Structures are given as structure tokens and as C-alpha cells.
Amino acid sequence: KIVDRETPPPAQVADAVVNAFGKSRPNKNLEPLTRINVLARSHEAVRESNLQNVEILLLDDQSVKLSVQGPMFFALGKADLRPEVKKFLDRLAAIIRQTPYDIRNVGHTDDRAINTGMFPSNWELSLLRASHVARYLIGTGGIDPSRFMVVGRGEYEPVSANTDEQSRALNRRVEIIITRDVGKTREANRP
């Protein structure tokens, strides 16, 4: 199921593009995002890959956020990518490669405690999941790794109350945010 809660109607998007570009000087920071239409192409990638439980949002700053529930990417308590999501990530890597924008991968878990040799807490599990998604996108897409920021939020940013299995499943997710920032990730990592 694809949920697109904040995508404005096409006429409003066209007006926003005209307003953002102005009559005389285009905003070069927006050009690649609008030229390849990251939002529409992200929807296509989800449809073509037959993924379920993906939420695609256009954020206030015009970044595109794809939130994919963890069970689509990983087995419960694991961080290895499922083979069936690689087709989607291949398509997404092709989209990302055509832009100069920084990418944020954010891993989330539900509130069930984990304590294994590999994952002493949900922090490590969420971080490694986000990292595996970033590494796959970098490897398959030939994308500069310095464009990526990888974050593990553990159970600390739930989108739903952790009251039952359905709500917990919503909280187990990886968010891939194609930002409008160019080079900010590289600047933040400089000493």
C-alpha cells in the first residue's frame, strides 16, 4: 500500500516550481529535483517493485522521504537485506544518482528490547539496518558515499503507539530521505 499524505495536486506543484524558479532566475538547487521528478519516480519505483507498506512524502522543504516498513527490508531482529527489496533499491539508486542531493538513511525499531551479541540494543539494530540500506545504494548505484548520512534512532521516534503487533510493525522502518541539501553531509564530516 502506497501512502502519499502530503503530495499537492499537480497544478499546485507546477505553481510551486514556477514560484521557486521565479520568472528570470531558476533556483539551481531545485533544478535536478524537478528535472527528474524524484517524487513521481519514487512512486514508480515502488509500483514497479511491487512493494507494500511504503509511505512516500513530500516534506515542507521539498525533500522526498520514503519510509519503508522494516519487515519489507529485514527479518525480525536482523539487519540483512531481503533479496526482494533489491529491485526497489536498484531503481532508487538510479534516481539518486541523477541528483546532487545528500541522502539521509534513518533506521527505527519498535520498543521491544533486544540484547544479542550483535545487537546489544535497538540503537545498534536500527543503525546497522540504515547502514546496510546506504551501503547497498552506494554499491549498486556507484553513488559517492560522502553524500550519505546514516542514523539509528532505535525506538525513540515511533510513528505509532507500541500497543500491538500492527503498531509495532509501523515503527520498524527505514526512512530514505532525498534532501535538497548539496554537500552539507560532507561539510558536517570535516574536522
N, C-alpha and C. Protein backbone atom coordinates (compact mmCIF):
# COMPACT_ATOMS: atom_id res chain seq x y z
N LYS A 1 0.85 -1.17 0.00
CA LYS A 1 0.00 0.00 0.00
C LYS A 1 0.89 1.23 0.00
N ILE A 2 0.71 2.13 -0.94
CA ILE A 2 1.48 3.36 -1.00
C ILE A 2 0.63 4.46 -0.41
N VAL A 3 1.21 5.18 0.55
CA VAL A 3 0.51 6.29 1.17
C VAL A 3 1.26 7.55 0.79
N ASP A 4 0.54 8.52 0.30
CA ASP A 4 1.15 9.79 -0.09
C ASP A 4 0.31 10.89 0.52
N ARG A 5 0.61 11.23 1.77
CA ARG A 5 -0.24 12.13 2.52
C ARG A 5 -0.06 13.60 2.17
N GLU A 6 1.11 13.97 1.68
CA GLU A 6 1.36 15.39 1.57
C GLU A 6 1.69 15.84 0.15
N THR A 7 1.41 15.03 -0.84
CA THR A 7 1.68 15.46 -2.20
C THR A 7 0.57 16.37 -2.68
N PRO A 8 0.91 17.60 -3.03
CA PRO A 8 -0.10 18.53 -3.51
C PRO A 8 -0.56 18.14 -4.91
N PRO A 9 -1.72 18.67 -5.34
CA PRO A 9 -2.18 18.37 -6.70
C PRO A 9 -1.18 18.90 -7.72
N PRO A 10 -1.16 18.28 -8.94
CA PRO A 10 -0.18 18.67 -9.96
C PRO A 10 -0.15 20.17 -10.25
N ALA A 11 -1.31 20.83 -10.28
CA ALA A 11 -1.32 22.27 -10.57
C ALA A 11 -0.58 23.04 -9.48
N GLN A 12 -0.76 22.62 -8.24
CA GLN A 12 -0.08 23.29 -7.13
C GLN A 12 1.42 23.05 -7.21
N VAL A 13 1.83 21.84 -7.60
CA VAL A 13 3.25 21.55 -7.77
C VAL A 13 3.83 22.42 -8.87
N ALA A 14 3.12 22.55 -9.98
CA ALA A 14 3.58 23.39 -11.09
C ALA A 14 3.72 24.83 -10.64
N ASP A 15 2.73 25.34 -9.88
CA ASP A 15 2.82 26.71 -9.36
C ASP A 15 4.02 26.87 -8.44
N ALA A 16 4.26 25.86 -7.60
CA ALA A 16 5.39 25.93 -6.67
C ALA A 16 6.71 25.95 -7.44
N VAL A 17 6.80 25.16 -8.50
CA VAL A 17 8.02 25.14 -9.31
C VAL A 17 8.24 26.49 -9.97
N VAL A 18 7.17 27.07 -10.53
CA VAL A 18 7.28 28.40 -11.15
C VAL A 18 7.69 29.42 -10.11
N ASN A 19 7.06 29.38 -8.93
CA ASN A 19 7.40 30.32 -7.87
C ASN A 19 8.83 30.12 -7.38
N ALA A 20 9.25 28.84 -7.26
CA ALA A 20 10.61 28.56 -6.79
C ALA A 20 11.64 29.03 -7.81
N PHE A 21 11.35 28.85 -9.09
CA PHE A 21 12.29 29.24 -10.13
C PHE A 21 12.24 30.72 -10.42
N GLY A 22 11.11 31.34 -10.16
CA GLY A 22 10.96 32.75 -10.49
C GLY A 22 10.86 32.93 -11.99
N LYS A 23 10.59 34.12 -12.40
CA LYS A 23 10.43 34.39 -13.83
C LYS A 23 11.76 34.52 -14.54
N SER A 24 12.81 34.98 -13.83
CA SER A 24 14.04 35.28 -14.52
C SER A 24 15.20 34.37 -14.17
N ARG A 25 15.33 33.95 -12.89
CA ARG A 25 16.48 33.15 -12.50
C ARG A 25 16.04 31.84 -11.86
N PRO A 26 16.30 30.70 -12.50
CA PRO A 26 15.96 29.43 -11.88
C PRO A 26 16.82 29.18 -10.64
N ASN A 27 16.24 28.55 -9.64
CA ASN A 27 16.96 28.16 -8.46
C ASN A 27 17.71 26.87 -8.79
N LYS A 28 19.01 26.95 -8.92
CA LYS A 28 19.83 25.80 -9.35
C LYS A 28 19.74 24.66 -8.36
N ASN A 29 19.47 24.93 -7.07
CA ASN A 29 19.36 23.85 -6.09
C ASN A 29 18.14 22.98 -6.31
N LEU A 30 17.09 23.53 -6.90
CA LEU A 30 15.87 22.76 -7.14
C LEU A 30 15.88 22.08 -8.50
N GLU A 31 16.71 22.52 -9.40
CA GLU A 31 16.64 22.06 -10.79
C GLU A 31 16.70 20.53 -10.94
N PRO A 32 17.70 19.81 -10.37
CA PRO A 32 17.72 18.37 -10.57
C PRO A 32 16.52 17.66 -9.97
N LEU A 33 16.01 18.16 -8.84
CA LEU A 33 14.85 17.54 -8.20
C LEU A 33 13.64 17.63 -9.10
N THR A 34 13.44 18.79 -9.72
CA THR A 34 12.27 18.95 -10.58
C THR A 34 12.52 18.37 -11.96
N ARG A 35 13.75 18.39 -12.44
CA ARG A 35 14.05 17.88 -13.77
C ARG A 35 13.73 16.39 -13.87
N ILE A 36 14.11 15.62 -12.86
CA ILE A 36 13.84 14.18 -12.94
C ILE A 36 12.62 13.78 -12.12
N ASN A 37 11.99 14.71 -11.43
CA ASN A 37 10.80 14.47 -10.63
C ASN A 37 11.00 13.29 -9.68
N VAL A 38 11.80 13.51 -8.66
CA VAL A 38 12.14 12.49 -7.68
C VAL A 38 10.88 11.88 -7.06
N LEU A 39 9.90 12.71 -6.75
CA LEU A 39 8.67 12.21 -6.13
C LEU A 39 7.95 11.22 -7.03
N ALA A 40 7.70 11.60 -8.27
CA ALA A 40 6.99 10.72 -9.21
C ALA A 40 7.80 9.46 -9.49
N ARG A 41 9.09 9.61 -9.67
CA ARG A 41 9.93 8.44 -9.97
C ARG A 41 10.02 7.50 -8.77
N SER A 42 9.95 8.04 -7.55
CA SER A 42 9.94 7.20 -6.36
C SER A 42 8.66 6.36 -6.31
N HIS A 43 7.53 6.99 -6.65
CA HIS A 43 6.27 6.24 -6.73
C HIS A 43 6.38 5.12 -7.77
N GLU A 44 6.95 5.42 -8.91
CA GLU A 44 7.12 4.41 -9.96
C GLU A 44 7.99 3.26 -9.47
N ALA A 45 9.09 3.57 -8.78
CA ALA A 45 9.99 2.53 -8.28
C ALA A 45 9.27 1.60 -7.31
N VAL A 46 8.42 2.17 -6.46
CA VAL A 46 7.65 1.34 -5.52
C VAL A 46 6.67 0.46 -6.28
N ARG A 47 5.92 1.05 -7.22
CA ARG A 47 4.94 0.28 -8.00
C ARG A 47 5.62 -0.83 -8.80
N GLU A 48 6.68 -0.50 -9.50
CA GLU A 48 7.37 -1.49 -10.35
C GLU A 48 7.98 -2.61 -9.53
N SER A 49 8.31 -2.34 -8.28
CA SER A 49 8.91 -3.36 -7.41
C SER A 49 7.88 -4.12 -6.61
N ASN A 50 6.61 -3.74 -6.74
CA ASN A 50 5.52 -4.40 -6.00
C ASN A 50 5.73 -4.39 -4.50
N LEU A 51 6.27 -3.29 -3.99
CA LEU A 51 6.46 -3.18 -2.54
C LEU A 51 5.16 -2.75 -1.88
N GLN A 52 4.95 -3.25 -0.69
CA GLN A 52 3.80 -2.87 0.12
C GLN A 52 4.30 -2.07 1.32
N ASN A 53 3.40 -1.34 1.95
CA ASN A 53 3.71 -0.62 3.19
C ASN A 53 4.87 0.36 3.05
N VAL A 54 4.81 1.14 1.98
CA VAL A 54 5.78 2.21 1.75
C VAL A 54 5.03 3.53 1.79
N GLU A 55 5.55 4.45 2.57
CA GLU A 55 4.96 5.79 2.64
C GLU A 55 5.93 6.75 1.94
N ILE A 56 5.42 7.52 0.99
CA ILE A 56 6.24 8.49 0.27
C ILE A 56 5.65 9.87 0.55
N LEU A 57 6.50 10.75 1.08
CA LEU A 57 6.04 12.09 1.45
C LEU A 57 6.91 13.15 0.81
N LEU A 58 6.28 14.25 0.41
CA LEU A 58 7.00 15.45 0.02
C LEU A 58 7.01 16.33 1.25
N LEU A 59 8.20 16.56 1.81
CA LEU A 59 8.32 17.33 3.04
C LEU A 59 8.23 18.83 2.77
N ASP A 60 8.06 19.59 3.82
CA ASP A 60 7.92 21.04 3.68
C ASP A 60 9.08 21.69 2.93
N ASP A 61 10.29 21.16 3.11
CA ASP A 61 11.46 21.74 2.44
C ASP A 61 11.67 21.15 1.04
N GLN A 62 10.67 20.41 0.54
CA GLN A 62 10.68 19.79 -0.79
C GLN A 62 11.60 18.57 -0.88
N SER A 63 12.10 18.07 0.26
CA SER A 63 12.79 16.79 0.28
C SER A 63 11.76 15.69 0.08
N VAL A 64 12.21 14.55 -0.41
CA VAL A 64 11.33 13.40 -0.60
C VAL A 64 11.73 12.33 0.41
N LYS A 65 10.75 11.89 1.22
CA LYS A 65 11.01 10.86 2.23
C LYS A 65 10.27 9.59 1.86
N LEU A 66 11.02 8.50 1.75
CA LEU A 66 10.44 7.18 1.55
C LEU A 66 10.61 6.42 2.85
N SER A 67 9.51 6.02 3.44
CA SER A 67 9.53 5.28 4.69
C SER A 67 9.05 3.86 4.40
N VAL A 68 9.97 2.91 4.54
CA VAL A 68 9.67 1.52 4.22
C VAL A 68 9.67 0.73 5.52
N GLN A 69 8.57 0.04 5.78
CA GLN A 69 8.48 -0.75 7.00
C GLN A 69 9.56 -1.82 7.00
N GLY A 70 10.14 -2.00 8.18
CA GLY A 70 11.23 -2.95 8.36
C GLY A 70 10.99 -4.34 7.82
N PRO A 71 9.80 -4.94 8.02
CA PRO A 71 9.58 -6.29 7.51
C PRO A 71 9.78 -6.41 6.00
N MET A 72 9.64 -5.30 5.28
CA MET A 72 9.88 -5.34 3.83
C MET A 72 11.38 -5.50 3.56
N PHE A 73 12.22 -4.91 4.41
CA PHE A 73 13.66 -4.93 4.23
C PHE A 73 14.35 -6.07 4.96
N PHE A 74 13.88 -6.39 6.19
CA PHE A 74 14.63 -7.26 7.09
C PHE A 74 13.72 -8.24 7.82
N ALA A 75 14.30 -9.39 8.19
CA ALA A 75 13.61 -10.31 9.09
C ALA A 75 13.65 -9.71 10.49
N LEU A 76 12.72 -10.08 11.32
CA LEU A 76 12.62 -9.57 12.69
C LEU A 76 13.94 -9.79 13.44
N GLY A 77 14.50 -8.71 14.00
CA GLY A 77 15.73 -8.81 14.78
C GLY A 77 16.99 -8.97 13.94
N LYS A 78 16.89 -8.81 12.63
CA LYS A 78 18.04 -8.98 11.72
C LYS A 78 18.31 -7.69 10.97
N ALA A 79 19.49 -7.60 10.35
CA ALA A 79 19.86 -6.41 9.59
C ALA A 79 20.27 -6.74 8.15
N ASP A 80 20.13 -8.00 7.74
CA ASP A 80 20.48 -8.37 6.36
C ASP A 80 19.30 -8.06 5.44
N LEU A 81 19.59 -7.39 4.32
CA LEU A 81 18.53 -7.03 3.37
C LEU A 81 17.88 -8.26 2.77
N ARG A 82 16.57 -8.24 2.66
CA ARG A 82 15.86 -9.31 1.98
C ARG A 82 16.10 -9.16 0.47
N PRO A 83 16.26 -10.26 -0.24
CA PRO A 83 16.52 -10.19 -1.69
C PRO A 83 15.43 -9.47 -2.47
N GLU A 84 14.18 -9.57 -2.04
CA GLU A 84 13.07 -8.98 -2.79
C GLU A 84 13.07 -7.45 -2.79
N VAL A 85 13.81 -6.79 -1.87
CA VAL A 85 13.84 -5.33 -1.87
C VAL A 85 14.95 -4.76 -2.75
N LYS A 86 15.82 -5.61 -3.23
CA LYS A 86 16.95 -5.13 -4.01
C LYS A 86 16.52 -4.52 -5.34
N LYS A 87 15.47 -5.04 -5.94
CA LYS A 87 14.95 -4.46 -7.18
C LYS A 87 14.52 -3.01 -6.94
N PHE A 88 13.83 -2.77 -5.83
CA PHE A 88 13.42 -1.41 -5.48
C PHE A 88 14.63 -0.53 -5.23
N LEU A 89 15.60 -1.01 -4.45
CA LEU A 89 16.78 -0.21 -4.15
C LEU A 89 17.60 0.07 -5.41
N ASP A 90 17.63 -0.87 -6.35
CA ASP A 90 18.32 -0.61 -7.63
C ASP A 90 17.68 0.56 -8.35
N ARG A 91 16.36 0.58 -8.39
CA ARG A 91 15.63 1.68 -9.05
C ARG A 91 15.83 3.00 -8.31
N LEU A 92 15.81 2.94 -7.00
CA LEU A 92 16.02 4.13 -6.21
C LEU A 92 17.44 4.68 -6.39
N ALA A 93 18.42 3.79 -6.46
CA ALA A 93 19.81 4.22 -6.68
C ALA A 93 19.94 4.96 -8.01
N ALA A 94 19.24 4.49 -9.04
CA ALA A 94 19.28 5.17 -10.34
C ALA A 94 18.70 6.58 -10.25
N ILE A 95 17.67 6.75 -9.44
CA ILE A 95 17.08 8.08 -9.24
C ILE A 95 18.06 8.98 -8.49
N ILE A 96 18.62 8.47 -7.40
CA ILE A 96 19.54 9.25 -6.58
C ILE A 96 20.77 9.66 -7.39
N ARG A 97 21.27 8.75 -8.20
CA ARG A 97 22.47 9.02 -9.00
C ARG A 97 22.29 10.23 -9.91
N GLN A 98 21.07 10.52 -10.32
CA GLN A 98 20.79 11.63 -11.23
C GLN A 98 20.66 12.98 -10.53
N THR A 99 20.82 13.00 -9.21
CA THR A 99 20.73 14.25 -8.46
C THR A 99 22.04 14.50 -7.72
N PRO A 100 22.28 15.74 -7.30
CA PRO A 100 23.46 16.04 -6.48
C PRO A 100 23.16 16.00 -4.98
N TYR A 101 21.95 15.64 -4.59
CA TYR A 101 21.48 15.83 -3.22
C TYR A 101 22.03 14.82 -2.23
N ASP A 102 22.15 15.29 -0.99
CA ASP A 102 22.55 14.44 0.12
C ASP A 102 21.39 13.52 0.48
N ILE A 103 21.73 12.37 1.03
CA ILE A 103 20.74 11.34 1.38
C ILE A 103 20.90 11.04 2.87
N ARG A 104 19.78 11.00 3.57
CA ARG A 104 19.77 10.58 4.97
C ARG A 104 19.03 9.26 5.08
N ASN A 105 19.69 8.27 5.64
CA ASN A 105 19.05 6.98 5.93
C ASN A 105 18.88 6.90 7.43
N VAL A 106 17.64 6.71 7.87
CA VAL A 106 17.34 6.69 9.30
C VAL A 106 16.65 5.37 9.62
N GLY A 107 17.26 4.61 10.53
CA GLY A 107 16.69 3.34 10.96
C GLY A 107 15.89 3.53 12.25
N HIS A 108 14.79 2.79 12.35
CA HIS A 108 13.91 2.85 13.53
C HIS A 108 13.52 1.42 13.92
N THR A 109 13.23 1.23 15.19
CA THR A 109 12.75 -0.07 15.68
C THR A 109 11.49 0.14 16.50
N ASP A 110 10.87 -0.97 16.90
CA ASP A 110 9.77 -0.86 17.86
C ASP A 110 10.38 -0.80 19.26
N ASP A 111 9.55 -0.88 20.29
CA ASP A 111 10.05 -0.72 21.65
C ASP A 111 10.44 -2.02 22.34
N ARG A 112 10.38 -3.14 21.63
CA ARG A 112 10.79 -4.40 22.25
C ARG A 112 12.31 -4.41 22.40
N ALA A 113 12.75 -4.69 23.60
CA ALA A 113 14.19 -4.71 23.88
C ALA A 113 14.86 -5.85 23.12
N ILE A 114 16.08 -5.58 22.65
CA ILE A 114 16.89 -6.61 22.02
C ILE A 114 18.23 -6.60 22.74
N ASN A 115 18.78 -7.78 22.95
CA ASN A 115 20.08 -7.88 23.59
C ASN A 115 20.75 -9.16 23.11
N THR A 116 21.43 -9.04 21.97
CA THR A 116 22.15 -10.18 21.41
C THR A 116 23.62 -9.78 21.31
N GLY A 117 24.47 -10.72 20.95
CA GLY A 117 25.88 -10.42 20.76
C GLY A 117 26.10 -9.36 19.70
N MET A 118 25.31 -9.41 18.66
CA MET A 118 25.46 -8.45 17.57
C MET A 118 24.73 -7.14 17.84
N PHE A 119 23.59 -7.22 18.52
CA PHE A 119 22.77 -6.04 18.78
C PHE A 119 22.48 -5.92 20.28
N PRO A 120 23.35 -5.24 21.03
CA PRO A 120 23.09 -5.09 22.45
C PRO A 120 21.89 -4.20 22.77
N SER A 121 21.44 -3.42 21.77
CA SER A 121 20.25 -2.59 21.98
C SER A 121 19.62 -2.25 20.62
N ASN A 122 18.47 -1.61 20.67
CA ASN A 122 17.80 -1.19 19.44
C ASN A 122 18.59 -0.12 18.69
N TRP A 123 19.45 0.63 19.40
CA TRP A 123 20.30 1.61 18.73
C TRP A 123 21.14 0.93 17.65
N GLU A 124 21.83 -0.14 18.04
CA GLU A 124 22.72 -0.83 17.10
C GLU A 124 21.94 -1.46 15.96
N LEU A 125 20.80 -2.07 16.28
CA LEU A 125 19.99 -2.71 15.23
C LEU A 125 19.51 -1.67 14.22
N SER A 126 18.98 -0.55 14.70
CA SER A 126 18.47 0.46 13.77
C SER A 126 19.59 1.09 12.96
N LEU A 127 20.74 1.30 13.56
CA LEU A 127 21.87 1.89 12.85
C LEU A 127 22.41 0.94 11.78
N LEU A 128 22.55 -0.32 12.11
CA LEU A 128 23.06 -1.27 11.12
C LEU A 128 22.08 -1.46 9.97
N ARG A 129 20.79 -1.45 10.26
CA ARG A 129 19.80 -1.55 9.17
C ARG A 129 19.91 -0.36 8.22
N ALA A 130 19.97 0.85 8.78
CA ALA A 130 20.10 2.04 7.94
C ALA A 130 21.42 2.00 7.16
N SER A 131 22.46 1.52 7.79
CA SER A 131 23.77 1.41 7.15
C SER A 131 23.75 0.41 6.00
N HIS A 132 23.09 -0.71 6.18
CA HIS A 132 23.02 -1.71 5.10
C HIS A 132 22.27 -1.17 3.89
N VAL A 133 21.22 -0.40 4.13
CA VAL A 133 20.48 0.21 3.01
C VAL A 133 21.39 1.20 2.29
N ALA A 134 22.10 2.05 3.04
CA ALA A 134 23.01 3.03 2.42
C ALA A 134 24.11 2.32 1.64
N ARG A 135 24.71 1.31 2.23
CA ARG A 135 25.80 0.60 1.54
C ARG A 135 25.31 -0.04 0.25
N TYR A 136 24.10 -0.57 0.26
CA TYR A 136 23.57 -1.17 -0.97
C TYR A 136 23.36 -0.10 -2.03
N LEU A 137 22.77 1.03 -1.65
CA LEU A 137 22.54 2.12 -2.61
C LEU A 137 23.86 2.63 -3.18
N ILE A 138 24.86 2.78 -2.32
CA ILE A 138 26.18 3.25 -2.76
C ILE A 138 26.81 2.24 -3.72
N GLY A 139 26.76 0.96 -3.35
CA GLY A 139 27.39 -0.07 -4.17
C GLY A 139 26.70 -0.30 -5.51
N THR A 140 25.39 -0.40 -5.49
CA THR A 140 24.66 -0.68 -6.73
C THR A 140 24.57 0.54 -7.63
N GLY A 141 24.55 1.73 -7.03
CA GLY A 141 24.36 2.94 -7.82
C GLY A 141 25.63 3.69 -8.15
N GLY A 142 26.77 3.24 -7.58
CA GLY A 142 28.00 3.96 -7.81
C GLY A 142 27.90 5.40 -7.31
N ILE A 143 27.24 5.58 -6.17
CA ILE A 143 26.99 6.91 -5.60
C ILE A 143 28.10 7.23 -4.60
N ASP A 144 28.53 8.48 -4.59
CA ASP A 144 29.57 8.94 -3.68
C ASP A 144 29.09 8.74 -2.23
N PRO A 145 29.82 7.94 -1.44
CA PRO A 145 29.40 7.69 -0.06
C PRO A 145 29.33 8.95 0.81
N SER A 146 30.07 10.00 0.44
CA SER A 146 30.06 11.21 1.26
C SER A 146 28.73 11.94 1.19
N ARG A 147 27.85 11.54 0.28
CA ARG A 147 26.52 12.15 0.19
C ARG A 147 25.56 11.59 1.23
N PHE A 148 25.95 10.52 1.91
CA PHE A 148 25.05 9.82 2.83
C PHE A 148 25.33 10.16 4.29
N MET A 149 24.26 10.26 5.04
CA MET A 149 24.32 10.32 6.49
C MET A 149 23.45 9.17 6.99
N VAL A 150 23.99 8.37 7.88
CA VAL A 150 23.28 7.20 8.39
C VAL A 150 23.04 7.41 9.89
N VAL A 151 21.78 7.22 10.29
CA VAL A 151 21.38 7.48 11.67
C VAL A 151 20.56 6.30 12.17
N GLY A 152 20.80 5.91 13.40
CA GLY A 152 19.97 4.91 14.07
C GLY A 152 19.23 5.58 15.21
N ARG A 153 17.90 5.54 15.16
CA ARG A 153 17.08 6.18 16.19
C ARG A 153 16.51 5.18 17.19
N GLY A 154 16.76 3.89 16.98
CA GLY A 154 16.22 2.90 17.90
C GLY A 154 14.70 3.02 17.98
N GLU A 155 14.19 2.94 19.20
CA GLU A 155 12.74 3.01 19.42
C GLU A 155 12.27 4.41 19.77
N TYR A 156 13.12 5.43 19.61
CA TYR A 156 12.84 6.75 20.17
C TYR A 156 12.08 7.72 19.27
N GLU A 157 11.67 7.32 18.08
CA GLU A 157 10.81 8.15 17.22
C GLU A 157 9.68 7.31 16.63
N PRO A 158 8.81 6.79 17.48
CA PRO A 158 7.72 5.95 16.97
C PRO A 158 6.72 6.79 16.16
N VAL A 159 6.13 6.16 15.16
CA VAL A 159 5.05 6.80 14.40
C VAL A 159 3.70 6.30 14.88
N SER A 160 3.73 5.29 15.74
CA SER A 160 2.52 4.69 16.26
C SER A 160 2.81 4.18 17.68
N ALA A 161 1.77 4.13 18.51
CA ALA A 161 1.94 3.57 19.85
C ALA A 161 2.34 2.11 19.73
N ASN A 162 3.23 1.65 20.56
CA ASN A 162 3.69 0.26 20.52
C ASN A 162 2.76 -0.62 21.35
N THR A 163 1.48 -0.63 20.98
CA THR A 163 0.50 -1.34 21.81
C THR A 163 0.16 -2.74 21.30
N ASP A 164 0.39 -3.00 20.03
CA ASP A 164 0.11 -4.33 19.47
C ASP A 164 1.05 -4.58 18.30
N GLU A 165 0.95 -5.76 17.71
CA GLU A 165 1.88 -6.13 16.63
C GLU A 165 1.76 -5.20 15.42
N GLN A 166 0.56 -4.77 15.08
CA GLN A 166 0.39 -3.87 13.92
C GLN A 166 1.08 -2.54 14.15
N SER A 167 0.92 -1.96 15.32
CA SER A 167 1.56 -0.66 15.59
C SER A 167 3.07 -0.82 15.70
N ARG A 168 3.52 -1.92 16.26
CA ARG A 168 4.97 -2.15 16.32
C ARG A 168 5.56 -2.29 14.92
N ALA A 169 4.85 -2.95 14.02
CA ALA A 169 5.33 -3.11 12.64
C ALA A 169 5.49 -1.75 11.96
N LEU A 170 4.61 -0.79 12.25
CA LEU A 170 4.73 0.54 11.67
C LEU A 170 6.00 1.26 12.15
N ASN A 171 6.41 0.96 13.37
CA ASN A 171 7.59 1.62 13.94
C ASN A 171 8.90 1.01 13.45
N ARG A 172 8.87 -0.23 13.01
CA ARG A 172 10.08 -0.86 12.45
C ARG A 172 10.20 -0.44 11.00
N ARG A 173 11.06 0.53 10.73
CA ARG A 173 11.13 1.09 9.39
C ARG A 173 12.50 1.70 9.12
N VAL A 174 12.78 1.89 7.85
CA VAL A 174 13.95 2.66 7.42
C VAL A 174 13.42 3.79 6.55
N GLU A 175 13.86 5.00 6.86
CA GLU A 175 13.49 6.17 6.08
C GLU A 175 14.67 6.57 5.20
N ILE A 176 14.39 6.76 3.93
CA ILE A 176 15.40 7.23 2.97
C ILE A 176 14.93 8.61 2.55
N ILE A 177 15.70 9.62 2.92
CA ILE A 177 15.30 10.99 2.65
C ILE A 177 16.26 11.58 1.62
N ILE A 178 15.70 11.91 0.46
CA ILE A 178 16.46 12.58 -0.59
C ILE A 178 16.28 14.06 -0.31
N THR A 179 17.29 14.68 0.26
CA THR A 179 17.18 16.05 0.73
C THR A 179 17.36 17.03 -0.43
N ARG A 180 17.25 18.30 -0.12
CA ARG A 180 17.60 19.34 -1.09
C ARG A 180 18.98 19.89 -0.78
N ASP A 181 19.64 19.32 0.23
CA ASP A 181 20.98 19.78 0.61
C ASP A 181 22.02 19.23 -0.35
N VAL A 182 22.97 20.06 -0.69
CA VAL A 182 24.08 19.64 -1.55
C VAL A 182 25.36 19.91 -0.78
N GLY A 183 26.07 18.84 -0.42
CA GLY A 183 27.35 18.98 0.25
C GLY A 183 27.30 19.22 1.74
N LYS A 184 26.14 19.33 2.34
CA LYS A 184 26.07 19.59 3.78
C LYS A 184 26.58 18.39 4.58
N THR A 185 26.32 17.18 4.09
CA THR A 185 26.82 16.00 4.79
C THR A 185 28.34 15.99 4.80
N ARG A 186 28.95 16.34 3.66
CA ARG A 186 30.41 16.39 3.58
C ARG A 186 30.96 17.48 4.50
N GLU A 187 30.30 18.63 4.52
CA GLU A 187 30.75 19.73 5.39
C GLU A 187 30.66 19.34 6.86
N ALA A 188 29.62 18.64 7.24
CA ALA A 188 29.43 18.24 8.64
C ALA A 188 30.49 17.24 9.09
N ASN A 189 31.04 16.48 8.15
CA ASN A 189 32.03 15.45 8.49
C ASN A 189 33.46 15.95 8.46
N ARG A 190 33.68 17.21 8.06
CA ARG A 190 35.04 17.78 8.04
C ARG A 190 35.49 18.11 9.46
N PRO A 191 36.79 17.89 9.73
CA PRO A 191 37.31 18.24 11.07
C PRO A 191 37.39 19.75 11.25
